[in-house]
Amino acid sequence: MRPLLSGETHEVLKNFPTPSELADAVRPVAAEAHLEETRYYWLLVFRTR
């Protein structure tokens, strides 16, 4: 739970998929795909069929 200054709390969901999980997710529609990782984010770049 993440508390706010107002006193409210919120659940923050984070996802950390593996490169293979990401590739599997787009395989039906992607002709090619690659993962780019930055310091704080990841990006899945793909070209559709």
PDB file of N, CA and C in Angstrom:
ATOM      1  N   MET A   1       0.849  -1.179   0.000  1.00  0.00           N
ATOM      2  CA  MET A   1       0.000   0.000   0.000  1.00  0.00           C
ATOM      3  C   MET A   1       0.895   1.243   0.000  1.00  0.00           C
ATOM      4  N   ARG A   2       0.480   2.223  -0.732  1.00  0.00           N
ATOM      5  CA  ARG A   2       1.238   3.468  -0.795  1.00  0.00           C
ATOM      6  C   ARG A   2       0.421   4.579  -0.137  1.00  0.00           C
ATOM      7  N   PRO A   3       0.930   5.147   0.951  1.00  0.00           N
ATOM      8  CA  PRO A   3       0.193   6.228   1.616  1.00  0.00           C
ATOM      9  C   PRO A   3       0.414   7.572   0.913  1.00  0.00           C
ATOM     10  N   LEU A   4      -0.638   8.372   0.874  1.00  0.00           N
ATOM     11  CA  LEU A   4      -0.558   9.723   0.324  1.00  0.00           C
ATOM     12  C   LEU A   4      -0.523  10.734   1.463  1.00  0.00           C
ATOM     13  N   LEU A   5      -0.110  11.953   1.162  1.00  0.00           N
ATOM     14  CA  LEU A   5      -0.077  12.999   2.187  1.00  0.00           C
ATOM     15  C   LEU A   5      -1.450  13.253   2.789  1.00  0.00           C
ATOM     16  N   SER A   6      -2.511  12.976   1.996  1.00  0.00           N
ATOM     17  CA  SER A   6      -3.872  13.192   2.480  1.00  0.00           C
ATOM     18  C   SER A   6      -4.298  12.133   3.496  1.00  0.00           C
ATOM     19  N   GLY A   7      -3.476  11.082   3.635  1.00  0.00           N
ATOM     20  CA  GLY A   7      -3.832   9.995   4.537  1.00  0.00           C
ATOM     21  C   GLY A   7      -4.447   8.805   3.825  1.00  0.00           C
ATOM     22  N   GLU A   8      -4.865   9.008   2.575  1.00  0.00           N
ATOM     23  CA  GLU A   8      -5.403   7.895   1.792  1.00  0.00           C
ATOM     24  C   GLU A   8      -4.286   6.909   1.480  1.00  0.00           C
ATOM     25  N   THR A   9      -4.657   5.656   1.287  1.00  0.00           N
ATOM     26  CA  THR A   9      -3.691   4.659   0.836  1.00  0.00           C
ATOM     27  C   THR A   9      -4.213   3.994  -0.433  1.00  0.00           C
ATOM     28  N   HIS A  10      -3.300   3.649  -1.302  1.00  0.00           N
ATOM     29  CA  HIS A  10      -3.652   3.000  -2.566  1.00  0.00           C
ATOM     30  C   HIS A  10      -2.698   1.851  -2.821  1.00  0.00           C
ATOM     31  N   GLU A  11      -3.246   0.779  -3.362  1.00  0.00           N
ATOM     32  CA  GLU A  11      -2.418  -0.345  -3.751  1.00  0.00           C
ATOM     33  C   GLU A  11      -1.800  -0.043  -5.107  1.00  0.00           C
ATOM     34  N   VAL A  12      -0.510  -0.180  -5.219  1.00  0.00           N
ATOM     35  CA  VAL A  12       0.192   0.083  -6.470  1.00  0.00           C
ATOM     36  C   VAL A  12       0.636  -1.260  -7.042  1.00  0.00           C
ATOM     37  N   LEU A  13       0.160  -1.563  -8.237  1.00  0.00           N
ATOM     38  CA  LEU A  13       0.521  -2.810  -8.885  1.00  0.00           C
ATOM     39  C   LEU A  13       1.709  -2.570  -9.799  1.00  0.00           C
ATOM     40  N   LYS A  14       2.668  -3.443  -9.732  1.00  0.00           N
ATOM     41  CA  LYS A  14       3.838  -3.348 -10.596  1.00  0.00           C
ATOM     42  C   LYS A  14       3.946  -4.650 -11.359  1.00  0.00           C
ATOM     43  N   ASN A  15       4.383  -4.544 -12.594  1.00  0.00           N
ATOM     44  CA  ASN A  15       4.591  -5.769 -13.352  1.00  0.00           C
ATOM     45  C   ASN A  15       6.028  -5.822 -13.834  1.00  0.00           C
ATOM     46  N   PHE A  16       6.570  -7.008 -13.807  1.00  0.00           N
ATOM     47  CA  PHE A  16       7.940  -7.223 -14.234  1.00  0.00           C
ATOM     48  C   PHE A  16       7.978  -8.454 -15.127  1.00  0.00           C
ATOM     49  N   PRO A  17       7.373  -8.350 -16.322  1.00  0.00           N
ATOM     50  CA  PRO A  17       7.367  -9.515 -17.211  1.00  0.00           C
ATOM     51  C   PRO A  17       8.771  -9.804 -17.736  1.00  0.00           C
ATOM     52  N   THR A  18       9.003 -11.063 -18.028  1.00  0.00           N
ATOM     53  CA  THR A  18      10.289 -11.444 -18.615  1.00  0.00           C
ATOM     54  C   THR A  18      10.252 -11.147 -20.111  1.00  0.00           C
ATOM     55  N   PRO A  19      11.401 -11.028 -20.742  1.00  0.00           N
ATOM     56  CA  PRO A  19      11.408 -10.830 -22.199  1.00  0.00           C
ATOM     57  C   PRO A  19      10.638 -11.923 -22.943  1.00  0.00           C
ATOM     58  N   SER A  20      10.740 -13.155 -22.492  1.00  0.00           N
ATOM     59  CA  SER A  20      10.015 -14.234 -23.179  1.00  0.00           C
ATOM     60  C   SER A  20       8.502 -14.112 -22.980  1.00  0.00           C
ATOM     61  N   GLU A  21       8.058 -13.655 -21.821  1.00  0.00           N
ATOM     62  CA  GLU A  21       6.619 -13.443 -21.608  1.00  0.00           C
ATOM     63  C   GLU A  21       6.097 -12.348 -22.529  1.00  0.00           C
ATOM     64  N   LEU A  22       6.868 -11.301 -22.715  1.00  0.00           N
ATOM     65  CA  LEU A  22       6.457 -10.225 -23.615  1.00  0.00           C
ATOM     66  C   LEU A  22       6.412 -10.714 -25.061  1.00  0.00           C
ATOM     67  N   ALA A  23       7.425 -11.454 -25.466  1.00  0.00           N
ATOM     68  CA  ALA A  23       7.457 -11.988 -26.828  1.00  0.00           C
ATOM     69  C   ALA A  23       6.267 -12.914 -27.065  1.00  0.00           C
ATOM     70  N   ASP A  24       5.953 -13.763 -26.092  1.00  0.00           N
ATOM     71  CA  ASP A  24       4.800 -14.666 -26.215  1.00  0.00           C
ATOM     72  C   ASP A  24       3.502 -13.885 -26.354  1.00  0.00           C
ATOM     73  N   ALA A  25       3.396 -12.757 -25.672  1.00  0.00           N
ATOM     74  CA  ALA A  25       2.158 -11.968 -25.699  1.00  0.00           C
ATOM     75  C   ALA A  25       1.876 -11.382 -27.076  1.00  0.00           C
ATOM     76  N   VAL A  26       2.911 -11.040 -27.826  1.00  0.00           N
ATOM     77  CA  VAL A  26       2.692 -10.404 -29.136  1.00  0.00           C
ATOM     78  C   VAL A  26       2.942 -11.343 -30.310  1.00  0.00           C
ATOM     79  N   ARG A  27       3.402 -12.552 -30.022  1.00  0.00           N
ATOM     80  CA  ARG A  27       3.731 -13.489 -31.094  1.00  0.00           C
ATOM     81  C   ARG A  27       2.613 -13.671 -32.121  1.00  0.00           C
ATOM     82  N   PRO A  28       1.335 -13.745 -31.729  1.00  0.00           N
ATOM     83  CA  PRO A  28       0.272 -13.941 -32.731  1.00  0.00           C
ATOM     84  C   PRO A  28       0.152 -12.794 -33.741  1.00  0.00           C
ATOM     85  N   VAL A  29       0.602 -11.605 -33.396  1.00  0.00           N
ATOM     86  CA  VAL A  29       0.416 -10.461 -34.306  1.00  0.00           C
ATOM     87  C   VAL A  29       1.720  -9.799 -34.731  1.00  0.00           C
ATOM     88  N   ALA A  30       2.841 -10.226 -34.180  1.00  0.00           N
ATOM     89  CA  ALA A  30       4.109  -9.546 -34.452  1.00  0.00           C
ATOM     90  C   ALA A  30       4.968 -10.328 -35.428  1.00  0.00           C
ATOM     91  N   ALA A  31       5.503  -9.599 -36.400  1.00  0.00           N
ATOM     92  CA  ALA A  31       6.439 -10.204 -37.338  1.00  0.00           C
ATOM     93  C   ALA A  31       7.826 -10.266 -36.704  1.00  0.00           C
ATOM     94  N   GLU A  32       8.142  -9.278 -35.906  1.00  0.00           N
ATOM     95  CA  GLU A  32       9.405  -9.240 -35.171  1.00  0.00           C
ATOM     96  C   GLU A  32       9.211  -8.367 -33.948  1.00  0.00           C
ATOM     97  N   ALA A  33      10.008  -8.605 -32.922  1.00  0.00           N
ATOM     98  CA  ALA A  33       9.883  -7.831 -31.685  1.00  0.00           C
ATOM     99  C   ALA A  33      11.224  -7.800 -30.979  1.00  0.00           C
ATOM    100  N   HIS A  34      11.453  -6.700 -30.277  1.00  0.00           N
ATOM    101  CA  HIS A  34      12.625  -6.630 -29.414  1.00  0.00           C
ATOM    102  C   HIS A  34      12.308  -5.749 -28.216  1.00  0.00           C
ATOM    103  N   LEU A  35      13.022  -6.005 -27.166  1.00  0.00           N
ATOM    104  CA  LEU A  35      12.818  -5.300 -25.906  1.00  0.00           C
ATOM    105  C   LEU A  35      13.885  -4.235 -25.736  1.00  0.00           C
ATOM    106  N   GLU A  36      13.463  -3.038 -25.376  1.00  0.00           N
ATOM    107  CA  GLU A  36      14.395  -1.959 -25.047  1.00  0.00           C
ATOM    108  C   GLU A  36      14.188  -1.617 -23.580  1.00  0.00           C
ATOM    109  N   GLU A  37      15.273  -1.561 -22.844  1.00  0.00           N
ATOM    110  CA  GLU A  37      15.183  -1.245 -21.418  1.00  0.00           C
ATOM    111  C   GLU A  37      15.893   0.066 -21.133  1.00  0.00           C
ATOM    112  N   THR A  38      15.208   0.934 -20.397  1.00  0.00           N
ATOM    113  CA  THR A  38      15.801   2.186 -19.962  1.00  0.00           C
ATOM    114  C   THR A  38      16.054   2.070 -18.462  1.00  0.00           C
ATOM    115  N   ARG A  39      16.485   3.101 -17.866  1.00  0.00           N
ATOM    116  CA  ARG A  39      16.772   3.039 -16.437  1.00  0.00           C
ATOM    117  C   ARG A  39      15.535   2.687 -15.609  1.00  0.00           C
ATOM    118  N   TYR A  40      14.388   3.247 -15.984  1.00  0.00           N
ATOM    119  CA  TYR A  40      13.180   3.045 -15.189  1.00  0.00           C
ATOM    120  C   TYR A  40      12.065   2.289 -15.902  1.00  0.00           C
ATOM    121  N   TYR A  41      12.153   2.138 -17.211  1.00  0.00           N
ATOM    122  CA  TYR A  41      11.048   1.574 -17.984  1.00  0.00           C
ATOM    123  C   TYR A  41      11.546   0.528 -18.958  1.00  0.00           C
ATOM    124  N   TRP A  42      10.614  -0.253 -19.461  1.00  0.00           N
ATOM    125  CA  TRP A  42      10.914  -1.148 -20.566  1.00  0.00           C
ATOM    126  C   TRP A  42       9.924  -0.836 -21.687  1.00  0.00           C
ATOM    127  N   LEU A  43      10.341  -1.076 -22.902  1.00  0.00           N
ATOM    128  CA  LEU A  43       9.488  -0.853 -24.067  1.00  0.00           C
ATOM    129  C   LEU A  43       9.581  -2.075 -24.966  1.00  0.00           C
ATOM    130  N   LEU A  44       8.453  -2.582 -25.380  1.00  0.00           N
ATOM    131  CA  LEU A  44       8.445  -3.676 -26.338  1.00  0.00           C
ATOM    132  C   LEU A  44       8.135  -3.063 -27.696  1.00  0.00           C
ATOM    133  N   VAL A  45       9.072  -3.170 -28.593  1.00  0.00           N
ATOM    134  CA  VAL A  45       8.930  -2.605 -29.932  1.00  0.00           C
ATOM    135  C   VAL A  45       8.697  -3.758 -30.885  1.00  0.00           C
ATOM    136  N   PHE A  46       7.605  -3.673 -31.667  1.00  0.00           N
ATOM    137  CA  PHE A  46       7.342  -4.762 -32.614  1.00  0.00           C
ATOM    138  C   PHE A  46       6.663  -4.244 -33.861  1.00  0.00           C
ATOM    139  N   ARG A  47       6.820  -5.040 -34.915  1.00  0.00           N
ATOM    140  CA  ARG A  47       6.206  -4.740 -36.213  1.00  0.00           C
ATOM    141  C   ARG A  47       5.114  -5.781 -36.431  1.00  0.00           C
ATOM    142  N   THR A  48       3.929  -5.306 -36.787  1.00  0.00           N
ATOM    143  CA  THR A  48       2.816  -6.235 -36.993  1.00  0.00           C
ATOM    144  C   THR A  48       2.970  -6.944 -38.334  1.00  0.00           C
ATOM    145  N   ARG A  49       2.310  -8.074 -38.405  1.00  0.00           N
ATOM    146  CA  ARG A  49       2.344  -8.864 -39.646  1.00  0.00           C
ATOM    147  C   ARG A  49       1.538  -8.212 -40.730  1.00  0.00           C
TER     148      ARG A  49
END
